[in-house]
Amino acid sequence: DDWARTRSAASAALEVLSSVDINLLEGEAHSAWMSALAEIRTSLETVRGADSIDQGRRAFDLLSQALTRVVRAFGASTSGPVYDVHCPMAFDGRGASWIQSDDAVRNPYYGPSMLKCADKVEKL
């Protein structure tokens, strides 16, 4: 719920994205990354420029969907597993997912009001 920190993190993530060497991938892998990259960049720019945390959370949902596809396709360079977590109540019952580095649920769509809300935690 720290909106200033969230916007700052989106800016930092955009900077990191600009340093990715897209020439390391070829063929279908390159196409998959380029498609995801466009969605990731657009989502981060929307988060960074959003006027409210609610707008930011909607953009974060799109970011999470793209990142989940990337992790499923390419894996994640982390010291341990990552988890795909789903909250069924987000966005008026439509539900939303996110990726996190451990299995202790920290719901980004509700923050402290429903920090542990999740119906699925899948190890990727």
N, C-alpha and C. Protein backbone atom coordinates (compact mmCIF):
# COMPACT_ATOMS: atom_id res chain seq x y z
N ASP A 1 0.81 -1.21 0.00
CA ASP A 1 0.00 0.00 0.00
C ASP A 1 0.84 1.27 0.00
N ASP A 2 2.14 1.15 -0.11
CA ASP A 2 3.03 2.30 -0.16
C ASP A 2 3.12 2.75 -1.63
N TRP A 3 2.22 3.65 -2.01
CA TRP A 3 2.07 4.01 -3.42
C TRP A 3 3.32 4.67 -3.99
N ALA A 4 3.97 5.53 -3.24
CA ALA A 4 5.19 6.19 -3.74
C ALA A 4 6.28 5.14 -4.00
N ARG A 5 6.41 4.20 -3.10
CA ARG A 5 7.42 3.14 -3.27
C ARG A 5 7.08 2.25 -4.47
N THR A 6 5.81 1.99 -4.66
CA THR A 6 5.37 1.17 -5.79
C THR A 6 5.73 1.84 -7.11
N ARG A 7 5.45 3.12 -7.21
CA ARG A 7 5.76 3.86 -8.44
C ARG A 7 7.26 3.91 -8.68
N SER A 8 8.02 4.06 -7.62
CA SER A 8 9.48 4.06 -7.74
C SER A 8 9.99 2.70 -8.20
N ALA A 9 9.41 1.63 -7.68
CA ALA A 9 9.81 0.28 -8.09
C ALA A 9 9.48 0.04 -9.56
N ALA A 10 8.36 0.57 -10.03
CA ALA A 10 8.00 0.44 -11.45
C ALA A 10 9.04 1.15 -12.32
N SER A 11 9.47 2.32 -11.89
CA SER A 11 10.51 3.04 -12.64
C SER A 11 11.81 2.25 -12.67
N ALA A 12 12.19 1.68 -11.54
CA ALA A 12 13.42 0.89 -11.48
C ALA A 12 13.32 -0.34 -12.38
N ALA A 13 12.17 -0.99 -12.38
CA ALA A 13 11.98 -2.17 -13.23
C ALA A 13 12.06 -1.80 -14.70
N LEU A 14 11.54 -0.65 -15.08
CA LEU A 14 11.65 -0.19 -16.47
C LEU A 14 13.12 0.01 -16.86
N GLU A 15 13.91 0.53 -15.95
CA GLU A 15 15.34 0.71 -16.23
C GLU A 15 16.02 -0.63 -16.44
N VAL A 16 15.71 -1.61 -15.61
CA VAL A 16 16.30 -2.94 -15.75
C VAL A 16 15.88 -3.56 -17.08
N LEU A 17 14.62 -3.40 -17.45
CA LEU A 17 14.14 -3.95 -18.72
C LEU A 17 14.93 -3.40 -19.90
N SER A 18 15.32 -2.15 -19.82
CA SER A 18 16.04 -1.54 -20.94
C SER A 18 17.43 -2.15 -21.11
N SER A 19 17.93 -2.85 -20.10
CA SER A 19 19.26 -3.45 -20.20
C SER A 19 19.22 -4.91 -20.67
N VAL A 20 18.03 -5.45 -20.88
CA VAL A 20 17.92 -6.84 -21.33
C VAL A 20 18.41 -6.95 -22.77
N ASP A 21 19.29 -7.91 -23.02
CA ASP A 21 19.81 -8.13 -24.37
C ASP A 21 18.85 -9.03 -25.14
N ILE A 22 18.00 -8.43 -25.96
CA ILE A 22 16.98 -9.19 -26.68
C ILE A 22 17.57 -10.04 -27.80
N ASN A 23 18.82 -9.85 -28.11
CA ASN A 23 19.47 -10.65 -29.16
C ASN A 23 19.92 -12.02 -28.68
N LEU A 24 19.76 -12.30 -27.39
CA LEU A 24 20.15 -13.61 -26.86
C LEU A 24 19.14 -14.70 -27.22
N LEU A 25 17.95 -14.30 -27.62
CA LEU A 25 16.91 -15.26 -27.97
C LEU A 25 16.66 -15.24 -29.47
N GLU A 26 16.29 -16.41 -29.99
CA GLU A 26 16.00 -16.53 -31.42
C GLU A 26 14.67 -17.25 -31.62
N GLY A 27 14.13 -17.12 -32.80
CA GLY A 27 12.95 -17.87 -33.20
C GLY A 27 11.75 -17.63 -32.32
N GLU A 28 11.06 -18.72 -31.96
CA GLU A 28 9.85 -18.63 -31.16
C GLU A 28 10.12 -18.02 -29.78
N ALA A 29 11.26 -18.34 -29.20
CA ALA A 29 11.60 -17.77 -27.90
C ALA A 29 11.72 -16.25 -27.99
N HIS A 30 12.33 -15.76 -29.05
CA HIS A 30 12.46 -14.32 -29.25
C HIS A 30 11.07 -13.68 -29.41
N SER A 31 10.23 -14.30 -30.21
CA SER A 31 8.87 -13.77 -30.42
C SER A 31 8.08 -13.75 -29.12
N ALA A 32 8.18 -14.83 -28.33
CA ALA A 32 7.46 -14.90 -27.06
C ALA A 32 7.94 -13.80 -26.11
N TRP A 33 9.26 -13.61 -26.04
CA TRP A 33 9.80 -12.58 -25.16
C TRP A 33 9.37 -11.19 -25.62
N MET A 34 9.44 -10.91 -26.92
CA MET A 34 9.08 -9.58 -27.42
C MET A 34 7.62 -9.25 -27.14
N SER A 35 6.75 -10.24 -27.27
CA SER A 35 5.34 -10.04 -26.96
C SER A 35 5.15 -9.73 -25.48
N ALA A 36 5.78 -10.52 -24.63
CA ALA A 36 5.69 -10.29 -23.19
C ALA A 36 6.33 -8.96 -22.80
N LEU A 37 7.46 -8.65 -23.41
CA LEU A 37 8.16 -7.41 -23.09
C LEU A 37 7.28 -6.19 -23.33
N ALA A 38 6.56 -6.19 -24.42
CA ALA A 38 5.67 -5.07 -24.71
C ALA A 38 4.61 -4.93 -23.62
N GLU A 39 4.03 -6.04 -23.19
CA GLU A 39 3.02 -6.01 -22.13
C GLU A 39 3.61 -5.58 -20.80
N ILE A 40 4.79 -6.10 -20.49
CA ILE A 40 5.45 -5.75 -19.24
C ILE A 40 5.77 -4.26 -19.21
N ARG A 41 6.34 -3.77 -20.28
CA ARG A 41 6.70 -2.34 -20.35
C ARG A 41 5.46 -1.46 -20.22
N THR A 42 4.41 -1.78 -20.96
CA THR A 42 3.18 -0.99 -20.89
C THR A 42 2.59 -1.00 -19.49
N SER A 43 2.58 -2.17 -18.87
CA SER A 43 2.02 -2.29 -17.51
C SER A 43 2.83 -1.48 -16.51
N LEU A 44 4.15 -1.57 -16.59
CA LEU A 44 5.00 -0.81 -15.68
C LEU A 44 4.84 0.69 -15.89
N GLU A 45 4.74 1.11 -17.13
CA GLU A 45 4.54 2.54 -17.41
C GLU A 45 3.20 3.00 -16.84
N THR A 46 2.18 2.14 -16.93
CA THR A 46 0.87 2.48 -16.38
C THR A 46 0.92 2.56 -14.86
N VAL A 47 1.60 1.61 -14.23
CA VAL A 47 1.76 1.66 -12.77
C VAL A 47 2.46 2.96 -12.38
N ARG A 48 3.55 3.25 -13.05
CA ARG A 48 4.34 4.44 -12.73
C ARG A 48 3.52 5.73 -12.88
N GLY A 49 2.65 5.77 -13.85
CA GLY A 49 1.89 6.99 -14.10
C GLY A 49 0.49 7.01 -13.52
N ALA A 50 0.09 5.95 -12.83
CA ALA A 50 -1.27 5.87 -12.31
C ALA A 50 -1.52 6.94 -11.25
N ASP A 51 -2.75 7.41 -11.19
CA ASP A 51 -3.13 8.44 -10.23
C ASP A 51 -3.56 7.87 -8.89
N SER A 52 -3.84 6.57 -8.85
CA SER A 52 -4.31 5.98 -7.60
C SER A 52 -3.81 4.55 -7.48
N ILE A 53 -3.85 4.05 -6.27
CA ILE A 53 -3.42 2.68 -6.04
C ILE A 53 -4.37 1.70 -6.74
N ASP A 54 -5.65 2.04 -6.86
CA ASP A 54 -6.58 1.16 -7.57
C ASP A 54 -6.21 1.03 -9.04
N GLN A 55 -5.85 2.14 -9.68
CA GLN A 55 -5.38 2.09 -11.07
C GLN A 55 -4.09 1.28 -11.16
N GLY A 56 -3.22 1.48 -10.21
CA GLY A 56 -1.96 0.75 -10.18
C GLY A 56 -2.18 -0.74 -10.01
N ARG A 57 -3.14 -1.12 -9.20
CA ARG A 57 -3.42 -2.55 -9.00
C ARG A 57 -3.97 -3.18 -10.27
N ARG A 58 -4.77 -2.46 -11.02
CA ARG A 58 -5.27 -2.99 -12.29
C ARG A 58 -4.12 -3.19 -13.28
N ALA A 59 -3.21 -2.25 -13.32
CA ALA A 59 -2.03 -2.39 -14.19
C ALA A 59 -1.14 -3.52 -13.70
N PHE A 60 -1.02 -3.66 -12.38
CA PHE A 60 -0.21 -4.74 -11.82
C PHE A 60 -0.79 -6.10 -12.21
N ASP A 61 -2.09 -6.21 -12.31
CA ASP A 61 -2.71 -7.46 -12.74
C ASP A 61 -2.22 -7.84 -14.14
N LEU A 62 -2.19 -6.89 -15.05
CA LEU A 62 -1.70 -7.16 -16.41
C LEU A 62 -0.21 -7.51 -16.39
N LEU A 63 0.55 -6.81 -15.56
CA LEU A 63 1.97 -7.10 -15.40
C LEU A 63 2.15 -8.53 -14.89
N SER A 64 1.39 -8.90 -13.89
CA SER A 64 1.50 -10.25 -13.32
C SER A 64 1.18 -11.33 -14.34
N GLN A 65 0.17 -11.10 -15.16
CA GLN A 65 -0.17 -12.08 -16.19
C GLN A 65 1.00 -12.28 -17.16
N ALA A 66 1.60 -11.18 -17.58
CA ALA A 66 2.73 -11.27 -18.52
C ALA A 66 3.94 -11.93 -17.85
N LEU A 67 4.23 -11.57 -16.61
CA LEU A 67 5.38 -12.16 -15.92
C LEU A 67 5.18 -13.65 -15.68
N THR A 68 3.96 -14.04 -15.39
CA THR A 68 3.68 -15.47 -15.19
C THR A 68 3.96 -16.25 -16.46
N ARG A 69 3.54 -15.71 -17.60
CA ARG A 69 3.82 -16.38 -18.87
C ARG A 69 5.33 -16.47 -19.11
N VAL A 70 6.06 -15.42 -18.78
CA VAL A 70 7.51 -15.42 -18.96
C VAL A 70 8.17 -16.48 -18.08
N VAL A 71 7.78 -16.53 -16.82
CA VAL A 71 8.37 -17.51 -15.91
C VAL A 71 8.02 -18.93 -16.34
N ARG A 72 6.80 -19.16 -16.79
CA ARG A 72 6.42 -20.49 -17.26
C ARG A 72 7.20 -20.88 -18.52
N ALA A 73 7.47 -19.92 -19.37
CA ALA A 73 8.16 -20.20 -20.63
C ALA A 73 9.68 -20.31 -20.46
N PHE A 74 10.26 -19.42 -19.63
CA PHE A 74 11.72 -19.32 -19.55
C PHE A 74 12.30 -19.70 -18.19
N GLY A 75 11.47 -19.83 -17.19
CA GLY A 75 11.97 -20.08 -15.84
C GLY A 75 12.35 -18.76 -15.18
N ALA A 76 12.89 -18.87 -13.98
CA ALA A 76 13.29 -17.68 -13.23
C ALA A 76 14.68 -17.91 -12.66
N SER A 77 15.52 -16.91 -12.78
CA SER A 77 16.88 -17.00 -12.25
C SER A 77 16.86 -16.51 -10.80
N THR A 78 16.49 -17.42 -9.91
CA THR A 78 16.40 -17.09 -8.49
C THR A 78 17.12 -18.16 -7.68
N SER A 79 17.36 -17.87 -6.43
CA SER A 79 18.05 -18.83 -5.57
C SER A 79 17.12 -19.95 -5.11
N GLY A 80 15.85 -19.80 -5.33
CA GLY A 80 14.88 -20.81 -4.93
C GLY A 80 13.68 -20.76 -5.85
N PRO A 81 12.65 -21.52 -5.52
CA PRO A 81 11.46 -21.53 -6.38
C PRO A 81 10.70 -20.21 -6.30
N VAL A 82 9.83 -20.01 -7.25
CA VAL A 82 8.88 -18.91 -7.21
C VAL A 82 7.48 -19.53 -7.19
N TYR A 83 6.53 -18.76 -6.72
CA TYR A 83 5.17 -19.26 -6.54
C TYR A 83 4.17 -18.39 -7.28
N ASP A 84 3.24 -19.03 -7.92
CA ASP A 84 2.11 -18.38 -8.57
C ASP A 84 0.96 -18.45 -7.56
N VAL A 85 0.51 -17.28 -7.10
CA VAL A 85 -0.52 -17.21 -6.07
C VAL A 85 -1.75 -16.55 -6.68
N HIS A 86 -2.93 -17.05 -6.31
CA HIS A 86 -4.18 -16.55 -6.88
C HIS A 86 -5.14 -16.13 -5.77
N CYS A 87 -5.73 -14.96 -5.95
CA CYS A 87 -6.79 -14.46 -5.06
C CYS A 87 -8.10 -14.49 -5.83
N PRO A 88 -9.08 -15.26 -5.38
CA PRO A 88 -10.35 -15.36 -6.11
C PRO A 88 -11.24 -14.13 -5.97
N MET A 89 -10.98 -13.28 -5.01
CA MET A 89 -11.87 -12.15 -4.73
C MET A 89 -11.46 -10.86 -5.44
N ALA A 90 -10.25 -10.78 -5.93
CA ALA A 90 -9.78 -9.54 -6.56
C ALA A 90 -10.66 -9.14 -7.73
N PHE A 91 -10.79 -7.86 -7.92
CA PHE A 91 -11.54 -7.29 -9.04
C PHE A 91 -12.97 -7.83 -9.09
N ASP A 92 -13.67 -7.69 -7.98
CA ASP A 92 -15.09 -8.06 -7.87
C ASP A 92 -15.35 -9.51 -8.22
N GLY A 93 -14.46 -10.40 -7.78
CA GLY A 93 -14.67 -11.83 -7.97
C GLY A 93 -14.09 -12.40 -9.25
N ARG A 94 -13.51 -11.57 -10.09
CA ARG A 94 -12.85 -12.09 -11.31
C ARG A 94 -11.60 -12.86 -10.94
N GLY A 95 -10.95 -12.42 -9.88
CA GLY A 95 -9.74 -13.06 -9.42
C GLY A 95 -8.51 -12.49 -10.11
N ALA A 96 -7.37 -12.70 -9.48
CA ALA A 96 -6.10 -12.24 -10.03
C ALA A 96 -4.97 -13.02 -9.38
N SER A 97 -3.87 -13.13 -10.12
CA SER A 97 -2.71 -13.87 -9.65
C SER A 97 -1.49 -12.97 -9.61
N TRP A 98 -0.46 -13.46 -8.94
CA TRP A 98 0.82 -12.78 -8.89
C TRP A 98 1.89 -13.81 -8.59
N ILE A 99 3.13 -13.44 -8.83
CA ILE A 99 4.26 -14.31 -8.53
C ILE A 99 5.01 -13.73 -7.35
N GLN A 100 5.43 -14.63 -6.46
CA GLN A 100 6.24 -14.19 -5.33
C GLN A 100 7.29 -15.23 -5.02
N SER A 101 8.27 -14.86 -4.20
CA SER A 101 9.45 -15.69 -3.99
C SER A 101 9.29 -16.75 -2.91
N ASP A 102 8.18 -16.76 -2.18
CA ASP A 102 7.94 -17.80 -1.18
C ASP A 102 6.45 -18.10 -1.14
N ASP A 103 6.08 -19.07 -0.32
CA ASP A 103 4.68 -19.49 -0.31
C ASP A 103 3.85 -18.83 0.80
N ALA A 104 4.38 -17.83 1.47
CA ALA A 104 3.64 -17.09 2.48
C ALA A 104 2.85 -15.98 1.76
N VAL A 105 1.55 -16.14 1.68
CA VAL A 105 0.71 -15.24 0.88
C VAL A 105 0.79 -13.81 1.39
N ARG A 106 1.04 -12.89 0.42
CA ARG A 106 1.02 -11.45 0.66
C ARG A 106 0.28 -10.82 -0.52
N ASN A 107 -1.00 -10.67 -0.37
CA ASN A 107 -1.88 -10.27 -1.45
C ASN A 107 -1.68 -8.80 -1.84
N PRO A 108 -1.20 -8.54 -3.06
CA PRO A 108 -0.97 -7.16 -3.48
C PRO A 108 -2.25 -6.43 -3.91
N TYR A 109 -3.33 -7.16 -4.06
CA TYR A 109 -4.57 -6.54 -4.53
C TYR A 109 -5.41 -5.98 -3.39
N TYR A 110 -5.21 -6.47 -2.19
CA TYR A 110 -5.97 -5.98 -1.04
C TYR A 110 -5.09 -5.38 0.04
N GLY A 111 -3.81 -5.62 -0.02
CA GLY A 111 -2.93 -5.07 0.99
C GLY A 111 -3.29 -5.58 2.37
N PRO A 112 -3.08 -4.77 3.40
CA PRO A 112 -3.29 -5.23 4.77
C PRO A 112 -4.72 -5.68 5.08
N SER A 113 -5.70 -5.18 4.36
CA SER A 113 -7.09 -5.53 4.67
C SER A 113 -7.38 -7.01 4.45
N MET A 114 -6.69 -7.65 3.51
CA MET A 114 -6.87 -9.08 3.24
C MET A 114 -5.54 -9.67 2.77
N LEU A 115 -4.51 -9.44 3.52
CA LEU A 115 -3.15 -9.79 3.12
C LEU A 115 -2.99 -11.27 2.82
N LYS A 116 -3.73 -12.14 3.47
CA LYS A 116 -3.55 -13.58 3.31
C LYS A 116 -4.59 -14.22 2.39
N CYS A 117 -5.36 -13.42 1.66
CA CYS A 117 -6.41 -13.95 0.80
C CYS A 117 -5.80 -14.64 -0.43
N ALA A 118 -6.01 -15.94 -0.51
CA ALA A 118 -5.57 -16.72 -1.68
C ALA A 118 -6.26 -18.07 -1.65
N ASP A 119 -6.54 -18.60 -2.82
CA ASP A 119 -7.12 -19.94 -2.89
C ASP A 119 -6.18 -20.93 -3.56
N LYS A 120 -5.05 -20.44 -4.08
CA LYS A 120 -4.12 -21.31 -4.77
C LYS A 120 -2.71 -20.77 -4.61
N VAL A 121 -1.79 -21.65 -4.28
CA VAL A 121 -0.37 -21.33 -4.26
C VAL A 121 0.33 -22.45 -5.02
N GLU A 122 0.82 -22.13 -6.20
CA GLU A 122 1.47 -23.14 -7.05
C GLU A 122 2.95 -22.87 -7.18
N LYS A 123 3.75 -23.87 -6.87
CA LYS A 123 5.20 -23.75 -7.03
C LYS A 123 5.54 -23.88 -8.51
N LEU A 124 6.29 -22.92 -9.04
CA LEU A 124 6.68 -22.96 -10.45
C LEU A 124 8.09 -23.47 -10.58
